Amino acid sequence: MDDKRKGEIARAFLKFKLKEDGFEIDRHFRRRIGNIAKNTGLPFEEVLEFSIAIASEILTEVSEPTKAPTEDELAGFEGHGGH
């Protein structure tokens, strides 16, 4: 199995677990992302960008099938980006 396929499987697994277990975008979000970055050795900005992308995908998938998430719905995720 190549690295690309491993990444696809890891992404699908992560999305499944987050949907199943739930996740919070709250005032501690950046701290949790920082802890993940520190413990994995990955750059904070990359972990943050990936987290926002995954959360946005999940929001899209669980929203009404014919309606994309609104800017307000996405704002909770993007607002934690520090941009």
PDB file of N, CA and C in Angstrom:
ATOM      1  N   MET A   1       0.858  -1.177   0.000  1.00  0.00           N
ATOM      2  CA  MET A   1       0.000   0.000   0.000  1.00  0.00           C
ATOM      3  C   MET A   1       0.901   1.236   0.000  1.00  0.00           C
ATOM      4  N   ASP A   2       0.580   2.174  -0.885  1.00  0.00           N
ATOM      5  CA  ASP A   2       1.421   3.376  -0.957  1.00  0.00           C
ATOM      6  C   ASP A   2       0.964   4.434   0.052  1.00  0.00           C
ATOM      7  N   ASP A   3       1.804   5.456   0.215  1.00  0.00           N
ATOM      8  CA  ASP A   3       1.525   6.502   1.203  1.00  0.00           C
ATOM      9  C   ASP A   3       0.251   7.278   0.894  1.00  0.00           C
ATOM     10  N   LYS A   4      -0.039   7.480  -0.393  1.00  0.00           N
ATOM     11  CA  LYS A   4      -1.265   8.195  -0.763  1.00  0.00           C
ATOM     12  C   LYS A   4      -2.490   7.442  -0.254  1.00  0.00           C
ATOM     13  N   ARG A   5      -2.521   6.132  -0.477  1.00  0.00           N
ATOM     14  CA  ARG A   5      -3.660   5.328  -0.036  1.00  0.00           C
ATOM     15  C   ARG A   5      -3.743   5.308   1.494  1.00  0.00           C
ATOM     16  N   LYS A   6      -2.609   5.225   2.161  1.00  0.00           N
ATOM     17  CA  LYS A   6      -2.606   5.281   3.629  1.00  0.00           C
ATOM     18  C   LYS A   6      -3.220   6.591   4.114  1.00  0.00           C
ATOM     19  N   GLY A   7      -2.880   7.692   3.449  1.00  0.00           N
ATOM     20  CA  GLY A   7      -3.431   8.993   3.807  1.00  0.00           C
ATOM     21  C   GLY A   7      -4.942   9.047   3.606  1.00  0.00           C
ATOM     22  N   GLU A   8      -5.415   8.464   2.514  1.00  0.00           N
ATOM     23  CA  GLU A   8      -6.858   8.425   2.250  1.00  0.00           C
ATOM     24  C   GLU A   8      -7.586   7.633   3.336  1.00  0.00           C
ATOM     25  N   ILE A   9      -7.014   6.514   3.727  1.00  0.00           N
ATOM     26  CA  ILE A   9      -7.613   5.679   4.769  1.00  0.00           C
ATOM     27  C   ILE A   9      -7.587   6.407   6.110  1.00  0.00           C
ATOM     28  N   ALA A  10      -6.464   7.038   6.423  1.00  0.00           N
ATOM     29  CA  ALA A  10      -6.350   7.770   7.694  1.00  0.00           C
ATOM     30  C   ALA A  10      -7.363   8.910   7.750  1.00  0.00           C
ATOM     31  N   ARG A  11      -7.545   9.625   6.659  1.00  0.00           N
ATOM     32  CA  ARG A  11      -8.502  10.731   6.603  1.00  0.00           C
ATOM     33  C   ARG A  11      -9.930  10.222   6.811  1.00  0.00           C
ATOM     34  N   ALA A  12     -10.289   9.129   6.118  1.00  0.00           N
ATOM     35  CA  ALA A  12     -11.634   8.562   6.261  1.00  0.00           C
ATOM     36  C   ALA A  12     -11.857   8.058   7.685  1.00  0.00           C
ATOM     37  N   PHE A  13     -10.843   7.420   8.260  1.00  0.00           N
ATOM     38  CA  PHE A  13     -10.942   6.920   9.630  1.00  0.00           C
ATOM     39  C   PHE A  13     -11.133   8.078  10.612  1.00  0.00           C
ATOM     40  N   LEU A  14     -10.349   9.142  10.457  1.00  0.00           N
ATOM     41  CA  LEU A  14     -10.450  10.298  11.342  1.00  0.00           C
ATOM     42  C   LEU A  14     -11.837  10.927  11.258  1.00  0.00           C
ATOM     43  N   LYS A  15     -12.342  11.115  10.033  1.00  0.00           N
ATOM     44  CA  LYS A  15     -13.663  11.701   9.873  1.00  0.00           C
ATOM     45  C   LYS A  15     -14.735  10.823  10.510  1.00  0.00           C
ATOM     46  N   PHE A  16     -14.628   9.523  10.348  1.00  0.00           N
ATOM     47  CA  PHE A  16     -15.575   8.597  10.962  1.00  0.00           C
ATOM     48  C   PHE A  16     -15.560   8.744  12.481  1.00  0.00           C
ATOM     49  N   LYS A  17     -14.361   8.742  13.070  1.00  0.00           N
ATOM     50  CA  LYS A  17     -14.242   8.846  14.532  1.00  0.00           C
ATOM     51  C   LYS A  17     -14.763  10.185  15.042  1.00  0.00           C
ATOM     52  N   LEU A  18     -14.473  11.271  14.345  1.00  0.00           N
ATOM     53  CA  LEU A  18     -14.948  12.582  14.785  1.00  0.00           C
ATOM     54  C   LEU A  18     -16.470  12.676  14.695  1.00  0.00           C
ATOM     55  N   LYS A  19     -17.047  12.104  13.641  1.00  0.00           N
ATOM     56  CA  LYS A  19     -18.506  12.093  13.536  1.00  0.00           C
ATOM     57  C   LYS A  19     -19.113  11.254  14.660  1.00  0.00           C
ATOM     58  N   GLU A  20     -18.503  10.126  14.929  1.00  0.00           N
ATOM     59  CA  GLU A  20     -19.012   9.208  15.942  1.00  0.00           C
ATOM     60  C   GLU A  20     -18.853   9.771  17.358  1.00  0.00           C
ATOM     61  N   ASP A  21     -17.671  10.311  17.654  1.00  0.00           N
ATOM     62  CA  ASP A  21     -17.360  10.786  19.004  1.00  0.00           C
ATOM     63  C   ASP A  21     -17.719  12.256  19.222  1.00  0.00           C
ATOM     64  N   GLY A  22     -17.835  13.008  18.143  1.00  0.00           N
ATOM     65  CA  GLY A  22     -18.084  14.438  18.250  1.00  0.00           C
ATOM     66  C   GLY A  22     -16.798  15.202  18.503  1.00  0.00           C
ATOM     67  N   PHE A  23     -16.870  16.508  18.323  1.00  0.00           N
ATOM     68  CA  PHE A  23     -15.724  17.373  18.574  1.00  0.00           C
ATOM     69  C   PHE A  23     -16.253  18.766  18.866  1.00  0.00           C
ATOM     70  N   GLU A  24     -15.463  19.554  19.538  1.00  0.00           N
ATOM     71  CA  GLU A  24     -15.880  20.900  19.915  1.00  0.00           C
ATOM     72  C   GLU A  24     -14.932  21.940  19.351  1.00  0.00           C
ATOM     73  N   ILE A  25     -15.536  22.987  18.847  1.00  0.00           N
ATOM     74  CA  ILE A  25     -14.784  24.170  18.450  1.00  0.00           C
ATOM     75  C   ILE A  25     -15.115  25.203  19.525  1.00  0.00           C
ATOM     76  N   ASP A  26     -14.251  25.333  20.494  1.00  0.00           N
ATOM     77  CA  ASP A  26     -14.514  26.214  21.621  1.00  0.00           C
ATOM     78  C   ASP A  26     -13.266  27.026  21.938  1.00  0.00           C
ATOM     79  N   ARG A  27     -13.259  27.663  23.084  1.00  0.00           N
ATOM     80  CA  ARG A  27     -12.128  28.530  23.424  1.00  0.00           C
ATOM     81  C   ARG A  27     -10.832  27.753  23.648  1.00  0.00           C
ATOM     82  N   HIS A  28     -10.904  26.440  23.782  1.00  0.00           N
ATOM     83  CA  HIS A  28      -9.715  25.612  23.995  1.00  0.00           C
ATOM     84  C   HIS A  28      -9.221  24.944  22.703  1.00  0.00           C
ATOM     85  N   PHE A  29      -9.881  25.256  21.595  1.00  0.00           N
ATOM     86  CA  PHE A  29      -9.559  24.618  20.323  1.00  0.00           C
ATOM     87  C   PHE A  29      -8.088  24.792  19.945  1.00  0.00           C
ATOM     88  N   ARG A  30      -7.604  26.023  19.974  1.00  0.00           N
ATOM     89  CA  ARG A  30      -6.205  26.282  19.580  1.00  0.00           C
ATOM     90  C   ARG A  30      -5.225  25.568  20.519  1.00  0.00           C
ATOM     91  N   ARG A  31      -5.552  25.487  21.802  1.00  0.00           N
ATOM     92  CA  ARG A  31      -4.688  24.786  22.744  1.00  0.00           C
ATOM     93  C   ARG A  31      -4.622  23.293  22.390  1.00  0.00           C
ATOM     94  N   ARG A  32      -5.782  22.706  22.078  1.00  0.00           N
ATOM     95  CA  ARG A  32      -5.797  21.282  21.706  1.00  0.00           C
ATOM     96  C   ARG A  32      -4.991  21.051  20.427  1.00  0.00           C
ATOM     97  N   ILE A  33      -5.144  21.960  19.466  1.00  0.00           N
ATOM     98  CA  ILE A  33      -4.371  21.837  18.222  1.00  0.00           C
ATOM     99  C   ILE A  33      -2.882  21.978  18.535  1.00  0.00           C
ATOM    100  N   GLY A  34      -2.530  22.913  19.396  1.00  0.00           N
ATOM    101  CA  GLY A  34      -1.135  23.085  19.803  1.00  0.00           C
ATOM    102  C   GLY A  34      -0.575  21.842  20.459  1.00  0.00           C
ATOM    103  N   ASN A  35      -1.366  21.201  21.295  1.00  0.00           N
ATOM    104  CA  ASN A  35      -0.917  19.963  21.950  1.00  0.00           C
ATOM    105  C   ASN A  35      -0.716  18.842  20.935  1.00  0.00           C
ATOM    106  N   ILE A  36      -1.623  18.749  19.971  1.00  0.00           N
ATOM    107  CA  ILE A  36      -1.462  17.738  18.918  1.00  0.00           C
ATOM    108  C   ILE A  36      -0.183  18.006  18.138  1.00  0.00           C
ATOM    109  N   ALA A  37       0.025  19.266  17.763  1.00  0.00           N
ATOM    110  CA  ALA A  37       1.231  19.627  17.006  1.00  0.00           C
ATOM    111  C   ALA A  37       2.486  19.294  17.801  1.00  0.00           C
ATOM    112  N   LYS A  38       2.496  19.655  19.060  1.00  0.00           N
ATOM    113  CA  LYS A  38       3.663  19.409  19.906  1.00  0.00           C
ATOM    114  C   LYS A  38       3.944  17.908  20.047  1.00  0.00           C
ATOM    115  N   ASN A  39       2.884  17.138  20.281  1.00  0.00           N
ATOM    116  CA  ASN A  39       3.056  15.704  20.513  1.00  0.00           C
ATOM    117  C   ASN A  39       3.370  14.911  19.251  1.00  0.00           C
ATOM    118  N   THR A  40       3.021  15.445  18.098  1.00  0.00           N
ATOM    119  CA  THR A  40       3.300  14.742  16.846  1.00  0.00           C
ATOM    120  C   THR A  40       4.525  15.278  16.127  1.00  0.00           C
ATOM    121  N   GLY A  41       4.989  16.469  16.543  1.00  0.00           N
ATOM    122  CA  GLY A  41       6.119  17.081  15.857  1.00  0.00           C
ATOM    123  C   GLY A  41       5.727  17.763  14.550  1.00  0.00           C
ATOM    124  N   LEU A  42       4.418  17.908  14.316  1.00  0.00           N
ATOM    125  CA  LEU A  42       3.947  18.571  13.106  1.00  0.00           C
ATOM    126  C   LEU A  42       3.816  20.074  13.358  1.00  0.00           C
ATOM    127  N   PRO A  43       3.985  20.886  12.318  1.00  0.00           N
ATOM    128  CA  PRO A  43       3.848  22.338  12.486  1.00  0.00           C
ATOM    129  C   PRO A  43       2.415  22.722  12.880  1.00  0.00           C
ATOM    130  N   PHE A  44       2.296  23.622  13.849  1.00  0.00           N
ATOM    131  CA  PHE A  44       0.995  24.061  14.351  1.00  0.00           C
ATOM    132  C   PHE A  44       0.080  24.512  13.217  1.00  0.00           C
ATOM    133  N   GLU A  45       0.577  25.377  12.324  1.00  0.00           N
ATOM    134  CA  GLU A  45      -0.263  25.931  11.251  1.00  0.00           C
ATOM    135  C   GLU A  45      -0.798  24.832  10.341  1.00  0.00           C
ATOM    136  N   GLU A  46      -0.005  23.796  10.086  1.00  0.00           N
ATOM    137  CA  GLU A  46      -0.470  22.700   9.235  1.00  0.00           C
ATOM    138  C   GLU A  46      -1.546  21.885   9.939  1.00  0.00           C
ATOM    139  N   VAL A  47      -1.361  21.622  11.232  1.00  0.00           N
ATOM    140  CA  VAL A  47      -2.364  20.876  11.992  1.00  0.00           C
ATOM    141  C   VAL A  47      -3.657  21.690  12.068  1.00  0.00           C
ATOM    142  N   LEU A  48      -3.540  22.984  12.274  1.00  0.00           N
ATOM    143  CA  LEU A  48      -4.708  23.857  12.335  1.00  0.00           C
ATOM    144  C   LEU A  48      -5.443  23.860  10.995  1.00  0.00           C
ATOM    145  N   GLU A  49      -4.713  24.043   9.916  1.00  0.00           N
ATOM    146  CA  GLU A  49      -5.326  24.064   8.579  1.00  0.00           C
ATOM    147  C   GLU A  49      -6.029  22.741   8.282  1.00  0.00           C
ATOM    148  N   PHE A  50      -5.388  21.637   8.612  1.00  0.00           N
ATOM    149  CA  PHE A  50      -5.966  20.310   8.394  1.00  0.00           C
ATOM    150  C   PHE A  50      -7.229  20.139   9.238  1.00  0.00           C
ATOM    151  N   SER A  51      -7.183  20.565  10.489  1.00  0.00           N
ATOM    152  CA  SER A  51      -8.332  20.438  11.393  1.00  0.00           C
ATOM    153  C   SER A  51      -9.531  21.219  10.878  1.00  0.00           C
ATOM    154  N   ILE A  52      -9.285  22.418  10.403  1.00  0.00           N
ATOM    155  CA  ILE A  52     -10.371  23.245   9.862  1.00  0.00           C
ATOM    156  C   ILE A  52     -10.954  22.587   8.611  1.00  0.00           C
ATOM    157  N   ALA A  53     -10.094  22.050   7.760  1.00  0.00           N
ATOM    158  CA  ALA A  53     -10.578  21.397   6.541  1.00  0.00           C
ATOM    159  C   ALA A  53     -11.436  20.180   6.873  1.00  0.00           C
ATOM    160  N   ILE A  54     -10.973  19.356   7.817  1.00  0.00           N
ATOM    161  CA  ILE A  54     -11.732  18.153   8.205  1.00  0.00           C
ATOM    162  C   ILE A  54     -13.064  18.561   8.821  1.00  0.00           C
ATOM    163  N   ALA A  55     -13.054  19.537   9.717  1.00  0.00           N
ATOM    164  CA  ALA A  55     -14.290  19.992  10.361  1.00  0.00           C
ATOM    165  C   ALA A  55     -15.268  20.535   9.314  1.00  0.00           C
ATOM    166  N   SER A  56     -14.780  21.272   8.342  1.00  0.00           N
ATOM    167  CA  SER A  56     -15.635  21.814   7.290  1.00  0.00           C
ATOM    168  C   SER A  56     -16.239  20.699   6.446  1.00  0.00           C
ATOM    169  N   GLU A  57     -15.445  19.685   6.124  1.00  0.00           N
ATOM    170  CA  GLU A  57     -15.953  18.541   5.364  1.00  0.00           C
ATOM    171  C   GLU A  57     -17.049  17.825   6.144  1.00  0.00           C
ATOM    172  N   ILE A  58     -16.816  17.605   7.426  1.00  0.00           N
ATOM    173  CA  ILE A  58     -17.814  16.927   8.255  1.00  0.00           C
ATOM    174  C   ILE A  58     -19.093  17.744   8.311  1.00  0.00           C
ATOM    175  N   LEU A  59     -18.959  19.044   8.503  1.00  0.00           N
ATOM    176  CA  LEU A  59     -20.135  19.916   8.553  1.00  0.00           C
ATOM    177  C   LEU A  59     -20.920  19.827   7.250  1.00  0.00           C
ATOM    178  N   THR A  60     -20.226  19.818   6.132  1.00  0.00           N
ATOM    179  CA  THR A  60     -20.882  19.693   4.835  1.00  0.00           C
ATOM    180  C   THR A  60     -21.612  18.361   4.723  1.00  0.00           C
ATOM    181  N   GLU A  61     -20.984  17.296   5.163  1.00  0.00           N
ATOM    182  CA  GLU A  61     -21.578  15.968   5.055  1.00  0.00           C
ATOM    183  C   GLU A  61     -22.814  15.791   5.937  1.00  0.00           C
ATOM    184  N   VAL A  62     -22.828  16.422   7.096  1.00  0.00           N
ATOM    185  CA  VAL A  62     -23.965  16.241   8.000  1.00  0.00           C
ATOM    186  C   VAL A  62     -25.048  17.300   7.815  1.00  0.00           C
ATOM    187  N   SER A  63     -24.779  18.305   7.000  1.00  0.00           N
ATOM    188  CA  SER A  63     -25.783  19.324   6.688  1.00  0.00           C
ATOM    189  C   SER A  63     -26.787  18.746   5.705  1.00  0.00           C
ATOM    190  N   GLU A  64     -27.820  19.514   5.444  1.00  0.00           N
ATOM    191  CA  GLU A  64     -28.803  19.096   4.457  1.00  0.00           C
ATOM    192  C   GLU A  64     -28.077  18.768   3.154  1.00  0.00           C
ATOM    193  N   PRO A  65     -28.421  17.643   2.544  1.00  0.00           N
ATOM    194  CA  PRO A  65     -27.706  17.218   1.327  1.00  0.00           C
ATOM    195  C   PRO A  65     -27.732  18.238   0.189  1.00  0.00           C
ATOM    196  N   THR A  66     -28.747  19.055   0.120  1.00  0.00           N
ATOM    197  CA  THR A  66     -28.848  19.999  -0.991  1.00  0.00           C
ATOM    198  C   THR A  66     -28.334  21.382  -0.622  1.00  0.00           C
ATOM    199  N   LYS A  67     -27.872  21.544   0.621  1.00  0.00           N
ATOM    200  CA  LYS A  67     -27.469  22.871   1.072  1.00  0.00           C
ATOM    201  C   LYS A  67     -26.038  22.822   1.601  1.00  0.00           C
ATOM    202  N   ALA A  68     -25.176  23.618   1.026  1.00  0.00           N
ATOM    203  CA  ALA A  68     -23.798  23.732   1.527  1.00  0.00           C
ATOM    204  C   ALA A  68     -23.823  24.531   2.828  1.00  0.00           C
ATOM    205  N   PRO A  69     -22.812  24.370   3.694  1.00  0.00           N
ATOM    206  CA  PRO A  69     -22.779  25.148   4.932  1.00  0.00           C
ATOM    207  C   PRO A  69     -22.716  26.648   4.641  1.00  0.00           C
ATOM    208  N   THR A  70     -23.359  27.413   5.486  1.00  0.00           N
ATOM    209  CA  THR A  70     -23.343  28.868   5.331  1.00  0.00           C
ATOM    210  C   THR A  70     -22.022  29.418   5.846  1.00  0.00           C
ATOM    211  N   GLU A  71     -21.774  30.668   5.522  1.00  0.00           N
ATOM    212  CA  GLU A  71     -20.574  31.343   6.029  1.00  0.00           C
ATOM    213  C   GLU A  71     -20.601  31.387   7.546  1.00  0.00           C
ATOM    214  N   ASP A  72     -21.797  31.598   8.130  1.00  0.00           N
ATOM    215  CA  ASP A  72     -21.917  31.628   9.588  1.00  0.00           C
ATOM    216  C   ASP A  72     -21.565  30.277  10.206  1.00  0.00           C
ATOM    217  N   GLU A  73     -22.003  29.188   9.557  1.00  0.00           N
ATOM    218  CA  GLU A  73     -21.701  27.856  10.071  1.00  0.00           C
ATOM    219  C   GLU A  73     -20.193  27.578  10.021  1.00  0.00           C
ATOM    220  N   LEU A  74     -19.561  28.028   8.957  1.00  0.00           N
ATOM    221  CA  LEU A  74     -18.117  27.814   8.821  1.00  0.00           C
ATOM    222  C   LEU A  74     -17.307  28.766   9.687  1.00  0.00           C
ATOM    223  N   ALA A  75     -17.888  29.885  10.068  1.00  0.00           N
ATOM    224  CA  ALA A  75     -17.157  30.895  10.827  1.00  0.00           C
ATOM    225  C   ALA A  75     -16.625  30.338  12.143  1.00  0.00           C
ATOM    226  N   GLY A  76     -17.367  29.430  12.765  1.00  0.00           N
ATOM    227  CA  GLY A  76     -16.907  28.843  14.019  1.00  0.00           C
ATOM    228  C   GLY A  76     -15.607  28.088  13.861  1.00  0.00           C
ATOM    229  N   PHE A  77     -15.399  27.484  12.705  1.00  0.00           N
ATOM    230  CA  PHE A  77     -14.154  26.750  12.440  1.00  0.00           C
ATOM    231  C   PHE A  77     -13.047  27.711  12.043  1.00  0.00           C
ATOM    232  N   GLU A  78     -13.343  28.578  11.108  1.00  0.00           N
ATOM    233  CA  GLU A  78     -12.326  29.468  10.566  1.00  0.00           C
ATOM    234  C   GLU A  78     -11.912  30.533  11.561  1.00  0.00           C
ATOM    235  N   GLY A  79     -12.799  30.882  12.471  1.00  0.00           N
ATOM    236  CA  GLY A  79     -12.498  31.903  13.457  1.00  0.00           C
ATOM    237  C   GLY A  79     -11.365  31.520  14.397  1.00  0.00           C
ATOM    238  N   HIS A  80     -11.083  30.239  14.478  1.00  0.00           N
ATOM    239  CA  HIS A  80     -10.018  29.768  15.360  1.00  0.00           C
ATOM    240  C   HIS A  80      -8.670  29.719  14.658  1.00  0.00           C
ATOM    241  N   GLY A  81      -8.652  30.116  13.397  1.00  0.00           N
ATOM    242  CA  GLY A  81      -7.415  30.053  12.646  1.00  0.00           C
ATOM    243  C   GLY A  81      -6.420  31.140  12.966  1.00  0.00           C
ATOM    244  N   GLY A  82      -6.832  32.167  13.664  1.00  0.00           N
ATOM    245  CA  GLY A  82      -5.914  33.238  14.024  1.00  0.00           C
ATOM    246  C   GLY A  82      -5.551  34.129  12.862  1.00  0.00           C
ATOM    247  N   HIS A  83      -6.344  34.064  11.786  1.00  0.00           N
ATOM    248  CA  HIS A  83      -6.057  34.870  10.595  1.00  0.00           C
ATOM    249  C   HIS A  83      -6.923  36.084  10.562  1.00  0.00           C
TER     250      HIS A  83
END
